[in-house]
Amino acid sequence: MRAIALWLDRLSAVINSIALWGAVLAVLAMVGAAGWQVIARYVLDAPPIWTEELARRAMVWAGMLGASCAFRISADPTLFPAMRQVPGRLGATLALVRAGGVLLFAVPVIWYSIFDARMNPARGFLGRSLNRSAEMLDVSMIWFTAAVPLAFAFIVVHVLALTLMRLTGQVELETAETTPTKA
C-alpha cells in the first residue's frame, strides 16, 4: 500500500507540474490577447474580433488548471483548514471524509462531461461542445470546454494521492510552513 501511495503521489506531482505550466501559458495567452486588444483598439484603431474571446477561453484554462494546482498544495479554500493538522485515527478519518466530499463533487462533473443522463456520450458536455465553434475563433469549443473535466480529473488524482499518503503515514501533518508531501 505504501508503494502504491508513493507512486500515486509521484504521478500527482507530475500532473501538477504539467497543470502549472499549462496555467502559466494560459495566463500568458490571456495577457497577450488582452494586451493586443488594447494596443489594436487605442493605438491602431483597428481592434481584432478574436482577442476578447481568446482571453476569455485562456482565463478558463488558467482558472481550472490553477485550481487543480491549488488543491495539490492545499492552497484551496476549505471550511475547516485545521482538520488537516489533526493527527492519528481522527486525522485519518477526517482525510477520508475530505476525500469522500471531493469525490462526491468531482466524479459527477467528470461523468456528465462525458455522458448525459442516458449514457449518451454525444450528449455529454464534451460531446455537445465537439460540433460547436467559438463565436470569433474558428475552433471547436471542445478545446475550451475540455478544461473542466481535465482539471477535475487532476483533482481526483491529487485527492487520492494525498489521502493515501496520509493514511500510510508518508506525509507530514500540514502546517503553514510544510508542503503536503515529504520530499
Protein backbone atom coordinates (compact mmCIF):
# COMPACT_ATOMS: atom_id res chain seq x y z
CA MET A 1 0.00 0.00 0.00
CA ARG A 2 2.88 2.39 0.77
CA ALA A 3 4.38 1.78 -2.68
CA ILE A 4 1.04 2.50 -4.38
CA ALA A 5 0.66 5.68 -2.35
CA LEU A 6 4.17 6.82 -3.28
CA TRP A 7 3.62 6.02 -6.98
CA LEU A 8 0.31 7.88 -6.98
CA ASP A 9 1.93 10.83 -5.21
CA ARG A 10 4.65 10.98 -7.86
CA LEU A 11 2.01 10.84 -10.61
CA SER A 12 0.14 13.63 -8.84
CA ALA A 13 3.34 15.71 -8.72
CA VAL A 14 3.96 15.22 -12.46
CA ILE A 15 0.35 16.12 -13.26
CA ASN A 16 0.69 19.17 -11.03
CA SER A 17 3.80 20.31 -12.92
CA ILE A 18 2.03 19.92 -16.25
CA ALA A 19 -1.04 21.77 -14.94
CA LEU A 20 1.10 24.55 -13.52
CA TRP A 21 2.88 25.08 -16.84
CA GLY A 22 -0.46 24.95 -18.63
CA ALA A 23 -1.91 27.56 -16.28
CA VAL A 24 1.10 29.82 -16.78
CA LEU A 25 0.84 29.50 -20.56
CA ALA A 26 -2.89 30.22 -20.39
CA VAL A 27 -2.27 33.35 -18.31
CA LEU A 28 0.37 34.48 -20.82
CA ALA A 29 -2.08 33.88 -23.69
CA MET A 30 -4.77 35.79 -21.82
CA VAL A 31 -2.48 38.75 -21.09
CA GLY A 32 -1.12 38.71 -24.64
CA ALA A 33 -4.59 38.68 -26.19
CA ALA A 34 -5.89 41.39 -23.87
CA GLY A 35 -2.75 43.47 -24.42
CA TRP A 36 -3.04 43.19 -28.17
CA GLN A 37 -6.72 44.15 -27.91
CA VAL A 38 -5.80 47.35 -26.07
CA ILE A 39 -2.99 48.24 -28.48
CA ALA A 40 -5.07 47.45 -31.55
CA ARG A 41 -8.09 49.38 -30.26
CA TYR A 42 -6.48 52.52 -28.89
CA VAL A 43 -3.26 52.81 -30.90
CA LEU A 44 -4.08 51.23 -34.25
CA ASP A 45 -7.83 51.97 -34.14
CA ALA A 46 -8.50 48.52 -35.58
CA PRO A 47 -9.44 46.03 -32.83
CA PRO A 48 -9.39 42.38 -33.89
CA ILE A 49 -12.51 40.35 -33.22
CA TRP A 50 -10.76 37.30 -31.79
CA THR A 51 -8.74 38.74 -28.89
CA GLU A 52 -11.54 39.07 -26.33
CA GLU A 53 -12.74 35.52 -26.89
CA LEU A 54 -9.22 34.10 -26.76
CA ALA A 55 -8.61 35.94 -23.49
CA ARG A 56 -11.85 34.53 -22.02
CA ARG A 57 -11.03 30.97 -23.06
CA ALA A 58 -7.47 31.26 -21.77
CA MET A 59 -8.86 32.54 -18.47
CA VAL A 60 -10.98 29.38 -18.15
CA TRP A 61 -7.94 27.16 -18.75
CA ALA A 62 -5.82 29.20 -16.34
CA GLY A 63 -8.51 29.07 -13.67
CA MET A 64 -9.25 25.37 -13.96
CA LEU A 65 -5.62 24.25 -14.13
CA GLY A 66 -4.71 26.71 -11.38
CA ALA A 67 -7.48 25.32 -9.19
CA SER A 68 -6.08 21.80 -9.54
CA CYS A 69 -2.62 23.11 -8.60
CA ALA A 70 -4.04 24.95 -5.58
CA PHE A 71 -5.75 21.75 -4.47
CA ARG A 72 -2.49 19.79 -4.74
CA ILE A 73 -0.61 22.17 -2.43
CA SER A 74 -3.60 22.65 -0.10
CA ALA A 75 -3.97 26.31 -1.04
CA ASP A 76 -7.61 25.81 -1.98
CA PRO A 77 -10.36 27.38 0.14
CA THR A 78 -11.65 24.99 2.76
CA LEU A 79 -14.22 25.23 5.53
CA PHE A 80 -12.07 23.54 8.17
CA PRO A 81 -8.37 24.04 7.41
CA ALA A 82 -7.37 22.85 10.90
CA MET A 83 -8.67 19.35 10.12
CA ARG A 84 -5.54 18.75 8.01
CA GLN A 85 -3.44 19.11 11.16
CA VAL A 86 -5.28 16.54 13.27
CA PRO A 87 -3.04 13.50 13.97
CA GLY A 88 -3.88 9.84 14.49
CA ARG A 89 -7.06 7.97 13.66
CA LEU A 90 -9.22 11.06 13.84
CA GLY A 91 -6.94 12.76 11.31
CA ALA A 92 -7.13 9.72 9.04
CA THR A 93 -10.92 9.69 9.35
CA LEU A 94 -11.09 13.38 8.51
CA ALA A 95 -8.83 12.79 5.48
CA LEU A 96 -11.25 10.10 4.29
CA VAL A 97 -14.23 12.41 4.83
CA ARG A 98 -12.47 15.13 2.84
CA ALA A 99 -11.66 12.69 0.05
CA GLY A 100 -15.26 11.49 0.02
CA GLY A 101 -16.54 15.05 -0.25
CA VAL A 102 -14.17 15.89 -3.08
CA LEU A 103 -15.12 12.71 -4.95
CA LEU A 104 -18.85 13.38 -4.43
CA PHE A 105 -18.35 16.70 -6.18
CA ALA A 106 -15.73 15.79 -8.82
CA VAL A 107 -16.97 12.43 -10.10
CA PRO A 108 -20.37 13.71 -11.33
CA VAL A 109 -18.67 16.64 -13.06
CA ILE A 110 -16.36 14.24 -14.88
CA TRP A 111 -19.19 11.77 -15.57
CA TYR A 112 -21.56 14.34 -17.06
CA SER A 113 -18.72 15.85 -19.05
CA ILE A 114 -18.53 12.53 -20.86
CA PHE A 115 -22.11 11.20 -20.70
CA ASP A 116 -25.59 12.59 -20.38
CA ALA A 117 -28.25 11.08 -18.10
CA ARG A 118 -28.96 8.33 -20.67
CA MET A 119 -25.27 7.35 -21.06
CA ASN A 120 -25.03 9.01 -24.47
CA PRO A 121 -21.54 10.47 -24.99
CA ALA A 122 -22.77 12.59 -27.89
CA ARG A 123 -25.00 14.49 -25.46
CA GLY A 124 -22.45 14.87 -22.65
CA PHE A 125 -20.80 18.24 -22.02
CA LEU A 126 -17.83 17.42 -24.26
CA GLY A 127 -19.96 15.76 -26.93
CA ARG A 128 -22.18 18.82 -27.24
CA SER A 129 -19.09 21.01 -27.50
CA LEU A 130 -17.47 18.94 -30.21
CA ASN A 131 -19.58 20.24 -33.09
CA ARG A 132 -19.88 23.82 -31.86
CA SER A 133 -17.45 26.54 -32.84
CA ALA A 134 -16.37 29.52 -30.85
CA GLU A 135 -18.07 32.74 -31.95
CA MET A 136 -15.00 34.62 -33.11
CA LEU A 137 -12.45 31.82 -33.36
CA ASP A 138 -12.85 29.08 -35.92
CA VAL A 139 -12.02 26.42 -33.35
CA SER A 140 -14.17 23.65 -31.90
CA MET A 141 -15.50 24.50 -28.45
CA ILE A 142 -14.21 21.19 -27.12
CA TRP A 143 -10.74 22.74 -26.96
CA PHE A 144 -12.11 25.16 -24.39
CA THR A 145 -14.64 23.03 -22.52
CA ALA A 146 -12.15 20.19 -22.01
CA ALA A 147 -10.54 22.28 -19.27
CA VAL A 148 -13.36 21.46 -16.85
CA PRO A 149 -13.24 17.64 -16.80
CA LEU A 150 -9.46 17.63 -17.16
CA ALA A 151 -8.99 19.82 -14.09
CA PHE A 152 -11.43 17.71 -12.10
CA ALA A 153 -9.64 14.53 -13.18
CA PHE A 154 -6.39 16.07 -11.94
CA ILE A 155 -8.08 16.91 -8.63
CA VAL A 156 -9.26 13.30 -8.27
CA VAL A 157 -5.69 12.05 -8.75
CA HIS A 158 -4.45 14.63 -6.23
CA VAL A 159 -7.03 13.74 -3.58
CA LEU A 160 -6.35 10.02 -3.95
CA ALA A 161 -2.61 10.59 -3.68
CA LEU A 162 -2.86 12.94 -0.71
CA THR A 163 -5.29 10.65 1.10
CA LEU A 164 -3.20 7.51 0.56
CA MET A 165 -0.05 9.33 1.62
CA ARG A 166 -1.83 10.45 4.79
CA LEU A 167 -3.27 7.00 5.53
CA THR A 168 0.08 5.28 5.06
CA GLY A 169 1.89 7.79 7.26
CA GLN A 170 4.11 9.12 4.47
CA VAL A 171 3.00 12.71 4.81
CA GLU A 172 3.74 15.26 7.49
CA LEU A 173 0.82 16.99 9.09
CA GLU A 174 0.23 20.17 7.15
CA THR A 175 1.15 23.47 8.68
CA ALA A 176 1.75 26.86 7.16
CA GLU A 177 5.45 26.00 6.72
CA THR A 178 5.20 22.50 5.22
CA THR A 179 4.14 21.13 1.89
CA PRO A 180 1.59 18.29 1.64
CA THR A 181 4.16 15.55 0.96
CA LYS A 182 7.67 14.72 2.04
CA ALA A 183 10.42 15.40 -0.46
